[in-house]
Amino acid sequence: MIAFISFAPIQANSALTVHLLLLGALLAYIPWTKMNHYVAKSFIYHKVLWDNEPNLRGSRLEKSVEKLLLHRPQDTWQAPHARKDTGKI
């Protein structure tokens, strides 16, 4: 097991070798497919749903929110509720 973790050569039979090659191919393939949703959701879901970080003055979160509030609609937007000249977003 230590050889596997340290990336040292291991003595493996053909079944284990095929298994590791297929696993590596799957892990390389996942980011380019819709399966990425299932992997990403498990990491993002709990952060979005359960994260209760308070927005305190001077915090990293406040700086992030202030930066996002500076974004304004583009002139090419045609929706009346998102016009640049109305001041509404």
PDB file of N, CA and C in Angstrom:
ATOM      1  N   MET A   1       0.822  -1.194   0.000  1.00  0.00           N
ATOM      2  CA  MET A   1       0.000   0.000   0.000  1.00  0.00           C
ATOM      3  C   MET A   1       0.871   1.265   0.000  1.00  0.00           C
ATOM      4  N   ILE A   2       1.976   1.259   0.714  1.00  0.00           N
ATOM      5  CA  ILE A   2       2.864   2.419   0.767  1.00  0.00           C
ATOM      6  C   ILE A   2       3.443   2.708  -0.614  1.00  0.00           C
ATOM      7  N   ALA A   3       3.759   1.670  -1.362  1.00  0.00           N
ATOM      8  CA  ALA A   3       4.286   1.867  -2.715  1.00  0.00           C
ATOM      9  C   ALA A   3       3.253   2.549  -3.598  1.00  0.00           C
ATOM     10  N   PHE A   4       1.989   2.207  -3.423  1.00  0.00           N
ATOM     11  CA  PHE A   4       0.929   2.806  -4.232  1.00  0.00           C
ATOM     12  C   PHE A   4       0.769   4.286  -3.908  1.00  0.00           C
ATOM     13  N   ILE A   5       0.825   4.644  -2.634  1.00  0.00           N
ATOM     14  CA  ILE A   5       0.658   6.039  -2.218  1.00  0.00           C
ATOM     15  C   ILE A   5       1.859   6.881  -2.621  1.00  0.00           C
ATOM     16  N   SER A   6       3.043   6.310  -2.574  1.00  0.00           N
ATOM     17  CA  SER A   6       4.253   7.061  -2.894  1.00  0.00           C
ATOM     18  C   SER A   6       4.597   7.021  -4.379  1.00  0.00           C
ATOM     19  N   PHE A   7       3.726   6.468  -5.206  1.00  0.00           N
ATOM     20  CA  PHE A   7       3.909   6.371  -6.650  1.00  0.00           C
ATOM     21  C   PHE A   7       5.138   5.557  -7.034  1.00  0.00           C
ATOM     22  N   ALA A   8       5.544   4.662  -6.171  1.00  0.00           N
ATOM     23  CA  ALA A   8       6.634   3.757  -6.493  1.00  0.00           C
ATOM     24  C   ALA A   8       6.067   2.601  -7.322  1.00  0.00           C
ATOM     25  N   PRO A   9       6.875   1.942  -8.114  1.00  0.00           N
ATOM     26  CA  PRO A   9       6.380   0.802  -8.897  1.00  0.00           C
ATOM     27  C   PRO A   9       5.822  -0.283  -7.974  1.00  0.00           C
ATOM     28  N   ILE A  10       4.703  -0.853  -8.384  1.00  0.00           N
ATOM     29  CA  ILE A  10       4.083  -1.914  -7.595  1.00  0.00           C
ATOM     30  C   ILE A  10       4.020  -3.185  -8.416  1.00  0.00           C
ATOM     31  N   GLN A  11       3.950  -4.292  -7.735  1.00  0.00           N
ATOM     32  CA  GLN A  11       3.768  -5.586  -8.387  1.00  0.00           C
ATOM     33  C   GLN A  11       2.265  -5.854  -8.428  1.00  0.00           C
ATOM     34  N   ALA A  12       1.681  -5.792  -9.601  1.00  0.00           N
ATOM     35  CA  ALA A  12       0.243  -5.979  -9.731  1.00  0.00           C
ATOM     36  C   ALA A  12      -0.051  -7.024 -10.799  1.00  0.00           C
ATOM     37  N   ASN A  13      -1.117  -7.775 -10.555  1.00  0.00           N
ATOM     38  CA  ASN A  13      -1.522  -8.731 -11.579  1.00  0.00           C
ATOM     39  C   ASN A  13      -2.264  -7.988 -12.694  1.00  0.00           C
ATOM     40  N   SER A  14      -2.610  -8.681 -13.743  1.00  0.00           N
ATOM     41  CA  SER A  14      -3.209  -8.020 -14.908  1.00  0.00           C
ATOM     42  C   SER A  14      -4.582  -7.433 -14.589  1.00  0.00           C
ATOM     43  N   ALA A  15      -5.360  -8.077 -13.719  1.00  0.00           N
ATOM     44  CA  ALA A  15      -6.690  -7.554 -13.385  1.00  0.00           C
ATOM     45  C   ALA A  15      -6.584  -6.203 -12.671  1.00  0.00           C
ATOM     46  N   LEU A  16      -5.648  -6.083 -11.731  1.00  0.00           N
ATOM     47  CA  LEU A  16      -5.463  -4.821 -11.026  1.00  0.00           C
ATOM     48  C   LEU A  16      -4.942  -3.741 -11.968  1.00  0.00           C
ATOM     49  N   THR A  17      -4.060  -4.111 -12.860  1.00  0.00           N
ATOM     50  CA  THR A  17      -3.521  -3.162 -13.829  1.00  0.00           C
ATOM     51  C   THR A  17      -4.624  -2.616 -14.725  1.00  0.00           C
ATOM     52  N   VAL A  18      -5.477  -3.496 -15.237  1.00  0.00           N
ATOM     53  CA  VAL A  18      -6.590  -3.071 -16.084  1.00  0.00           C
ATOM     54  C   VAL A  18      -7.550  -2.182 -15.277  1.00  0.00           C
ATOM     55  N   HIS A  19      -7.819  -2.573 -14.056  1.00  0.00           N
ATOM     56  CA  HIS A  19      -8.711  -1.793 -13.198  1.00  0.00           C
ATOM     57  C   HIS A  19      -8.167  -0.382 -12.987  1.00  0.00           C
ATOM     58  N   LEU A  20      -6.895  -0.248 -12.672  1.00  0.00           N
ATOM     59  CA  LEU A  20      -6.291   1.061 -12.441  1.00  0.00           C
ATOM     60  C   LEU A  20      -6.263   1.903 -13.717  1.00  0.00           C
ATOM     61  N   LEU A  21      -6.011   1.277 -14.856  1.00  0.00           N
ATOM     62  CA  LEU A  21      -6.022   2.018 -16.114  1.00  0.00           C
ATOM     63  C   LEU A  21      -7.424   2.519 -16.457  1.00  0.00           C
ATOM     64  N   LEU A  22      -8.440   1.678 -16.252  1.00  0.00           N
ATOM     65  CA  LEU A  22      -9.811   2.100 -16.522  1.00  0.00           C
ATOM     66  C   LEU A  22     -10.257   3.197 -15.557  1.00  0.00           C
ATOM     67  N   LEU A  23      -9.866   3.081 -14.298  1.00  0.00           N
ATOM     68  CA  LEU A  23     -10.198   4.116 -13.316  1.00  0.00           C
ATOM     69  C   LEU A  23      -9.547   5.443 -13.702  1.00  0.00           C
ATOM     70  N   GLY A  24      -8.304   5.406 -14.104  1.00  0.00           N
ATOM     71  CA  GLY A  24      -7.613   6.618 -14.537  1.00  0.00           C
ATOM     72  C   GLY A  24      -8.269   7.233 -15.767  1.00  0.00           C
ATOM     73  N   ALA A  25      -8.696   6.390 -16.716  1.00  0.00           N
ATOM     74  CA  ALA A  25      -9.385   6.896 -17.909  1.00  0.00           C
ATOM     75  C   ALA A  25     -10.718   7.536 -17.524  1.00  0.00           C
ATOM     76  N   LEU A  26     -11.450   6.928 -16.599  1.00  0.00           N
ATOM     77  CA  LEU A  26     -12.724   7.493 -16.149  1.00  0.00           C
ATOM     78  C   LEU A  26     -12.513   8.840 -15.473  1.00  0.00           C
ATOM     79  N   LEU A  27     -11.521   8.930 -14.602  1.00  0.00           N
ATOM     80  CA  LEU A  27     -11.251  10.192 -13.917  1.00  0.00           C
ATOM     81  C   LEU A  27     -10.805  11.287 -14.883  1.00  0.00           C
ATOM     82  N   ALA A  28     -10.127  10.913 -15.959  1.00  0.00           N
ATOM     83  CA  ALA A  28      -9.736  11.895 -16.963  1.00  0.00           C
ATOM     84  C   ALA A  28     -10.919  12.298 -17.833  1.00  0.00           C
ATOM     85  N   TYR A  29     -11.910  11.410 -17.982  1.00  0.00           N
ATOM     86  CA  TYR A  29     -13.063  11.649 -18.851  1.00  0.00           C
ATOM     87  C   TYR A  29     -14.166  12.456 -18.169  1.00  0.00           C
ATOM     88  N   ILE A  30     -14.325  12.328 -16.863  1.00  0.00           N
ATOM     89  CA  ILE A  30     -15.437  12.946 -16.136  1.00  0.00           C
ATOM     90  C   ILE A  30     -15.549  14.459 -16.339  1.00  0.00           C
ATOM     91  N   PRO A  31     -14.472  15.238 -16.293  1.00  0.00           N
ATOM     92  CA  PRO A  31     -14.640  16.698 -16.440  1.00  0.00           C
ATOM     93  C   PRO A  31     -15.248  17.114 -17.773  1.00  0.00           C
ATOM     94  N   TRP A  32     -15.211  16.284 -18.778  1.00  0.00           N
ATOM     95  CA  TRP A  32     -15.713  16.635 -20.107  1.00  0.00           C
ATOM     96  C   TRP A  32     -17.122  16.116 -20.354  1.00  0.00           C
ATOM     97  N   THR A  33     -17.782  15.593 -19.344  1.00  0.00           N
ATOM     98  CA  THR A  33     -19.100  14.997 -19.515  1.00  0.00           C
ATOM     99  C   THR A  33     -20.099  15.615 -18.550  1.00  0.00           C
ATOM    100  N   LYS A  34     -21.351  15.194 -18.681  1.00  0.00           N
ATOM    101  CA  LYS A  34     -22.382  15.632 -17.744  1.00  0.00           C
ATOM    102  C   LYS A  34     -22.213  14.966 -16.389  1.00  0.00           C
ATOM    103  N   MET A  35     -21.381  13.926 -16.313  1.00  0.00           N
ATOM    104  CA  MET A  35     -21.123  13.281 -15.021  1.00  0.00           C
ATOM    105  C   MET A  35     -20.432  14.248 -14.065  1.00  0.00           C
ATOM    106  N   ASN A  36     -19.827  15.281 -14.598  1.00  0.00           N
ATOM    107  CA  ASN A  36     -19.173  16.289 -13.776  1.00  0.00           C
ATOM    108  C   ASN A  36     -20.165  16.904 -12.788  1.00  0.00           C
ATOM    109  N   HIS A  37     -21.431  16.995 -13.191  1.00  0.00           N
ATOM    110  CA  HIS A  37     -22.472  17.546 -12.318  1.00  0.00           C
ATOM    111  C   HIS A  37     -22.565  16.749 -11.022  1.00  0.00           C
ATOM    112  N   TYR A  38     -22.528  15.436 -11.119  1.00  0.00           N
ATOM    113  CA  TYR A  38     -22.671  14.596  -9.931  1.00  0.00           C
ATOM    114  C   TYR A  38     -21.466  14.726  -9.006  1.00  0.00           C
ATOM    115  N   VAL A  39     -20.299  14.883  -9.570  1.00  0.00           N
ATOM    116  CA  VAL A  39     -19.091  15.043  -8.764  1.00  0.00           C
ATOM    117  C   VAL A  39     -19.073  16.426  -8.120  1.00  0.00           C
ATOM    118  N   ALA A  40     -19.343  17.452  -8.918  1.00  0.00           N
ATOM    119  CA  ALA A  40     -19.292  18.822  -8.409  1.00  0.00           C
ATOM    120  C   ALA A  40     -20.395  19.081  -7.391  1.00  0.00           C
ATOM    121  N   LYS A  41     -21.572  18.506  -7.610  1.00  0.00           N
ATOM    122  CA  LYS A  41     -22.689  18.763  -6.715  1.00  0.00           C
ATOM    123  C   LYS A  41     -22.369  18.319  -5.293  1.00  0.00           C
ATOM    124  N   SER A  42     -21.677  17.199  -5.164  1.00  0.00           N
ATOM    125  CA  SER A  42     -21.378  16.704  -3.823  1.00  0.00           C
ATOM    126  C   SER A  42     -20.466  17.663  -3.064  1.00  0.00           C
ATOM    127  N   PHE A  43     -19.622  18.415  -3.763  1.00  0.00           N
ATOM    128  CA  PHE A  43     -18.741  19.364  -3.106  1.00  0.00           C
ATOM    129  C   PHE A  43     -19.421  20.712  -2.888  1.00  0.00           C
ATOM    130  N   ILE A  44     -20.237  21.144  -3.835  1.00  0.00           N
ATOM    131  CA  ILE A  44     -20.838  22.472  -3.788  1.00  0.00           C
ATOM    132  C   ILE A  44     -22.110  22.501  -2.947  1.00  0.00           C
ATOM    133  N   TYR A  45     -22.884  21.430  -2.946  1.00  0.00           N
ATOM    134  CA  TYR A  45     -24.199  21.405  -2.311  1.00  0.00           C
ATOM    135  C   TYR A  45     -24.141  21.847  -0.850  1.00  0.00           C
ATOM    136  N   HIS A  46     -23.251  21.265  -0.082  1.00  0.00           N
ATOM    137  CA  HIS A  46     -23.199  21.575   1.337  1.00  0.00           C
ATOM    138  C   HIS A  46     -22.671  22.986   1.590  1.00  0.00           C
ATOM    139  N   LYS A  47     -21.787  23.467   0.752  1.00  0.00           N
ATOM    140  CA  LYS A  47     -21.273  24.833   0.916  1.00  0.00           C
ATOM    141  C   LYS A  47     -22.387  25.852   0.698  1.00  0.00           C
ATOM    142  N   VAL A  48     -23.190  25.641  -0.334  1.00  0.00           N
ATOM    143  CA  VAL A  48     -24.252  26.583  -0.655  1.00  0.00           C
ATOM    144  C   VAL A  48     -25.397  26.476   0.338  1.00  0.00           C
ATOM    145  N   LEU A  49     -25.794  25.274   0.679  1.00  0.00           N
ATOM    146  CA  LEU A  49     -26.975  25.084   1.523  1.00  0.00           C
ATOM    147  C   LEU A  49     -26.699  25.345   2.996  1.00  0.00           C
ATOM    148  N   TRP A  50     -25.558  24.900   3.484  1.00  0.00           N
ATOM    149  CA  TRP A  50     -25.325  24.917   4.923  1.00  0.00           C
ATOM    150  C   TRP A  50     -24.320  25.965   5.382  1.00  0.00           C
ATOM    151  N   ASP A  51     -23.668  26.667   4.474  1.00  0.00           N
ATOM    152  CA  ASP A  51     -22.680  27.651   4.897  1.00  0.00           C
ATOM    153  C   ASP A  51     -23.390  28.881   5.450  1.00  0.00           C
ATOM    154  N   ASN A  52     -23.112  29.205   6.682  1.00  0.00           N
ATOM    155  CA  ASN A  52     -23.775  30.317   7.356  1.00  0.00           C
ATOM    156  C   ASN A  52     -22.773  31.396   7.744  1.00  0.00           C
ATOM    157  N   GLU A  53     -21.789  31.623   6.890  1.00  0.00           N
ATOM    158  CA  GLU A  53     -20.753  32.612   7.200  1.00  0.00           C
ATOM    159  C   GLU A  53     -21.381  34.004   7.246  1.00  0.00           C
ATOM    160  N   PRO A  54     -21.239  34.724   8.351  1.00  0.00           N
ATOM    161  CA  PRO A  54     -21.844  36.053   8.443  1.00  0.00           C
ATOM    162  C   PRO A  54     -21.091  37.064   7.574  1.00  0.00           C
ATOM    163  N   ASN A  55     -21.821  38.026   7.046  1.00  0.00           N
ATOM    164  CA  ASN A  55     -21.224  39.074   6.228  1.00  0.00           C
ATOM    165  C   ASN A  55     -20.842  40.231   7.152  1.00  0.00           C
ATOM    166  N   LEU A  56     -19.674  40.133   7.760  1.00  0.00           N
ATOM    167  CA  LEU A  56     -19.192  41.140   8.708  1.00  0.00           C
ATOM    168  C   LEU A  56     -18.439  42.244   7.983  1.00  0.00           C
ATOM    169  N   ARG A  57     -18.398  43.426   8.587  1.00  0.00           N
ATOM    170  CA  ARG A  57     -17.659  44.549   7.994  1.00  0.00           C
ATOM    171  C   ARG A  57     -16.182  44.189   7.853  1.00  0.00           C
ATOM    172  N   GLY A  58     -15.650  44.439   6.657  1.00  0.00           N
ATOM    173  CA  GLY A  58     -14.240  44.201   6.394  1.00  0.00           C
ATOM    174  C   GLY A  58     -13.886  42.752   6.125  1.00  0.00           C
ATOM    175  N   SER A  59     -14.871  41.865   6.105  1.00  0.00           N
ATOM    176  CA  SER A  59     -14.576  40.443   5.886  1.00  0.00           C
ATOM    177  C   SER A  59     -14.335  40.162   4.402  1.00  0.00           C
ATOM    178  N   ARG A  60     -13.808  39.001   4.146  1.00  0.00           N
ATOM    179  CA  ARG A  60     -13.566  38.558   2.783  1.00  0.00           C
ATOM    180  C   ARG A  60     -14.887  38.464   2.019  1.00  0.00           C
ATOM    181  N   LEU A  61     -15.929  38.013   2.693  1.00  0.00           N
ATOM    182  CA  LEU A  61     -17.236  37.894   2.065  1.00  0.00           C
ATOM    183  C   LEU A  61     -17.793  39.267   1.673  1.00  0.00           C
ATOM    184  N   GLU A  62     -17.623  40.272   2.533  1.00  0.00           N
ATOM    185  CA  GLU A  62     -18.102  41.615   2.216  1.00  0.00           C
ATOM    186  C   GLU A  62     -17.385  42.165   0.991  1.00  0.00           C
ATOM    187  N   LYS A  63     -16.084  41.948   0.902  1.00  0.00           N
ATOM    188  CA  LYS A  63     -15.326  42.424  -0.258  1.00  0.00           C
ATOM    189  C   LYS A  63     -15.814  41.755  -1.536  1.00  0.00           C
ATOM    190  N   SER A  64     -16.126  40.483  -1.442  1.00  0.00           N
ATOM    191  CA  SER A  64     -16.625  39.750  -2.601  1.00  0.00           C
ATOM    192  C   SER A  64     -17.992  40.270  -3.033  1.00  0.00           C
ATOM    193  N   VAL A  65     -18.869  40.540  -2.075  1.00  0.00           N
ATOM    194  CA  VAL A  65     -20.206  41.060  -2.390  1.00  0.00           C
ATOM    195  C   VAL A  65     -20.097  42.454  -2.994  1.00  0.00           C
ATOM    196  N   GLU A  66     -19.245  43.300  -2.440  1.00  0.00           N
ATOM    197  CA  GLU A  66     -19.074  44.653  -2.981  1.00  0.00           C
ATOM    198  C   GLU A  66     -18.572  44.617  -4.415  1.00  0.00           C
ATOM    199  N   LYS A  67     -17.677  43.715  -4.705  1.00  0.00           N
ATOM    200  CA  LYS A  67     -17.156  43.587  -6.065  1.00  0.00           C
ATOM    201  C   LYS A  67     -18.270  43.151  -7.023  1.00  0.00           C
ATOM    202  N   LEU A  68     -19.102  42.216  -6.584  1.00  0.00           N
ATOM    203  CA  LEU A  68     -20.191  41.750  -7.431  1.00  0.00           C
ATOM    204  C   LEU A  68     -21.254  42.825  -7.648  1.00  0.00           C
ATOM    205  N   LEU A  69     -21.458  43.704  -6.668  1.00  0.00           N
ATOM    206  CA  LEU A  69     -22.450  44.765  -6.802  1.00  0.00           C
ATOM    207  C   LEU A  69     -22.026  45.847  -7.785  1.00  0.00           C
ATOM    208  N   LEU A  70     -20.751  45.892  -8.154  1.00  0.00           N
ATOM    209  CA  LEU A  70     -20.274  46.868  -9.126  1.00  0.00           C
ATOM    210  C   LEU A  70     -20.635  46.498 -10.558  1.00  0.00           C
ATOM    211  N   HIS A  71     -21.023  45.264 -10.794  1.00  0.00           N
ATOM    212  CA  HIS A  71     -21.388  44.824 -12.145  1.00  0.00           C
ATOM    213  C   HIS A  71     -22.678  45.500 -12.582  1.00  0.00           C
ATOM    214  N   ARG A  72     -22.698  45.999 -13.777  1.00  0.00           N
ATOM    215  CA  ARG A  72     -23.877  46.657 -14.334  1.00  0.00           C
ATOM    216  C   ARG A  72     -24.250  45.983 -15.647  1.00  0.00           C
ATOM    217  N   PRO A  73     -25.521  46.075 -16.035  1.00  0.00           N
ATOM    218  CA  PRO A  73     -25.939  45.472 -17.307  1.00  0.00           C
ATOM    219  C   PRO A  73     -25.241  46.124 -18.491  1.00  0.00           C
ATOM    220  N   GLN A  74     -25.115  45.365 -19.553  1.00  0.00           N
ATOM    221  CA  GLN A  74     -24.514  45.888 -20.769  1.00  0.00           C
ATOM    222  C   GLN A  74     -25.541  46.720 -21.526  1.00  0.00           C
ATOM    223  N   ASP A  75     -25.082  47.581 -22.419  1.00  0.00           N
ATOM    224  CA  ASP A  75     -25.985  48.405 -23.223  1.00  0.00           C
ATOM    225  C   ASP A  75     -26.814  47.581 -24.193  1.00  0.00           C
ATOM    226  N   THR A  76     -26.373  46.388 -24.503  1.00  0.00           N
ATOM    227  CA  THR A  76     -27.071  45.566 -25.493  1.00  0.00           C
ATOM    228  C   THR A  76     -28.274  44.833 -24.912  1.00  0.00           C
ATOM    229  N   TRP A  77     -28.488  44.883 -23.631  1.00  0.00           N
ATOM    230  CA  TRP A  77     -29.635  44.203 -23.035  1.00  0.00           C
ATOM    231  C   TRP A  77     -30.908  44.958 -23.392  1.00  0.00           C
ATOM    232  N   GLN A  78     -31.923  44.246 -23.813  1.00  0.00           N
ATOM    233  CA  GLN A  78     -33.166  44.857 -24.263  1.00  0.00           C
ATOM    234  C   GLN A  78     -34.294  44.785 -23.238  1.00  0.00           C
ATOM    235  N   ALA A  79     -34.141  43.999 -22.203  1.00  0.00           N
ATOM    236  CA  ALA A  79     -35.207  43.835 -21.227  1.00  0.00           C
ATOM    237  C   ALA A  79     -35.424  45.143 -20.465  1.00  0.00           C
ATOM    238  N   PRO A  80     -36.681  45.595 -20.317  1.00  0.00           N
ATOM    239  CA  PRO A  80     -36.928  46.876 -19.649  1.00  0.00           C
ATOM    240  C   PRO A  80     -36.520  46.878 -18.169  1.00  0.00           C
ATOM    241  N   HIS A  81     -36.542  45.730 -17.527  1.00  0.00           N
ATOM    242  CA  HIS A  81     -36.179  45.688 -16.111  1.00  0.00           C
ATOM    243  C   HIS A  81     -34.672  45.676 -15.897  1.00  0.00           C
ATOM    244  N   ALA A  82     -33.899  45.540 -16.953  1.00  0.00           N
ATOM    245  CA  ALA A  82     -32.444  45.466 -16.822  1.00  0.00           C
ATOM    246  C   ALA A  82     -31.759  46.525 -17.678  1.00  0.00           C
ATOM    247  N   ARG A  83     -32.384  47.662 -17.844  1.00  0.00           N
ATOM    248  CA  ARG A  83     -31.800  48.739 -18.642  1.00  0.00           C
ATOM    249  C   ARG A  83     -30.758  49.480 -17.819  1.00  0.00           C
ATOM    250  N   LYS A  84     -29.723  49.889 -18.450  1.00  0.00           N
ATOM    251  CA  LYS A  84     -28.651  50.599 -17.767  1.00  0.00           C
ATOM    252  C   LYS A  84     -29.088  51.988 -17.300  1.00  0.00           C
ATOM    253  N   ASP A  85     -29.953  52.632 -18.056  1.00  0.00           N
ATOM    254  CA  ASP A  85     -30.334  54.011 -17.750  1.00  0.00           C
ATOM    255  C   ASP A  85     -31.364  54.110 -16.621  1.00  0.00           C
ATOM    256  N   THR A  86     -32.015  53.017 -16.220  1.00  0.00           N
ATOM    257  CA  THR A  86     -33.023  53.081 -15.166  1.00  0.00           C
ATOM    258  C   THR A  86     -32.413  52.984 -13.780  1.00  0.00           C
ATOM    259  N   GLY A  87     -31.173  52.532 -13.708  1.00  0.00           N
ATOM    260  CA  GLY A  87     -30.531  52.374 -12.411  1.00  0.00           C
ATOM    261  C   GLY A  87     -30.932  51.086 -11.717  1.00  0.00           C
ATOM    262  N   LYS A  88     -31.827  50.324 -12.321  1.00  0.00           N
ATOM    263  CA  LYS A  88     -32.250  49.045 -11.738  1.00  0.00           C
ATOM    264  C   LYS A  88     -31.445  47.927 -12.368  1.00  0.00           C
ATOM    265  N   ILE A  89     -31.251  46.882 -11.588  1.00  0.00           N
ATOM    266  CA  ILE A  89     -30.565  45.702 -12.111  1.00  0.00           C
ATOM    267  C   ILE A  89     -31.551  44.577 -12.162  1.00  0.00           C
TER     268      ILE A  89
END
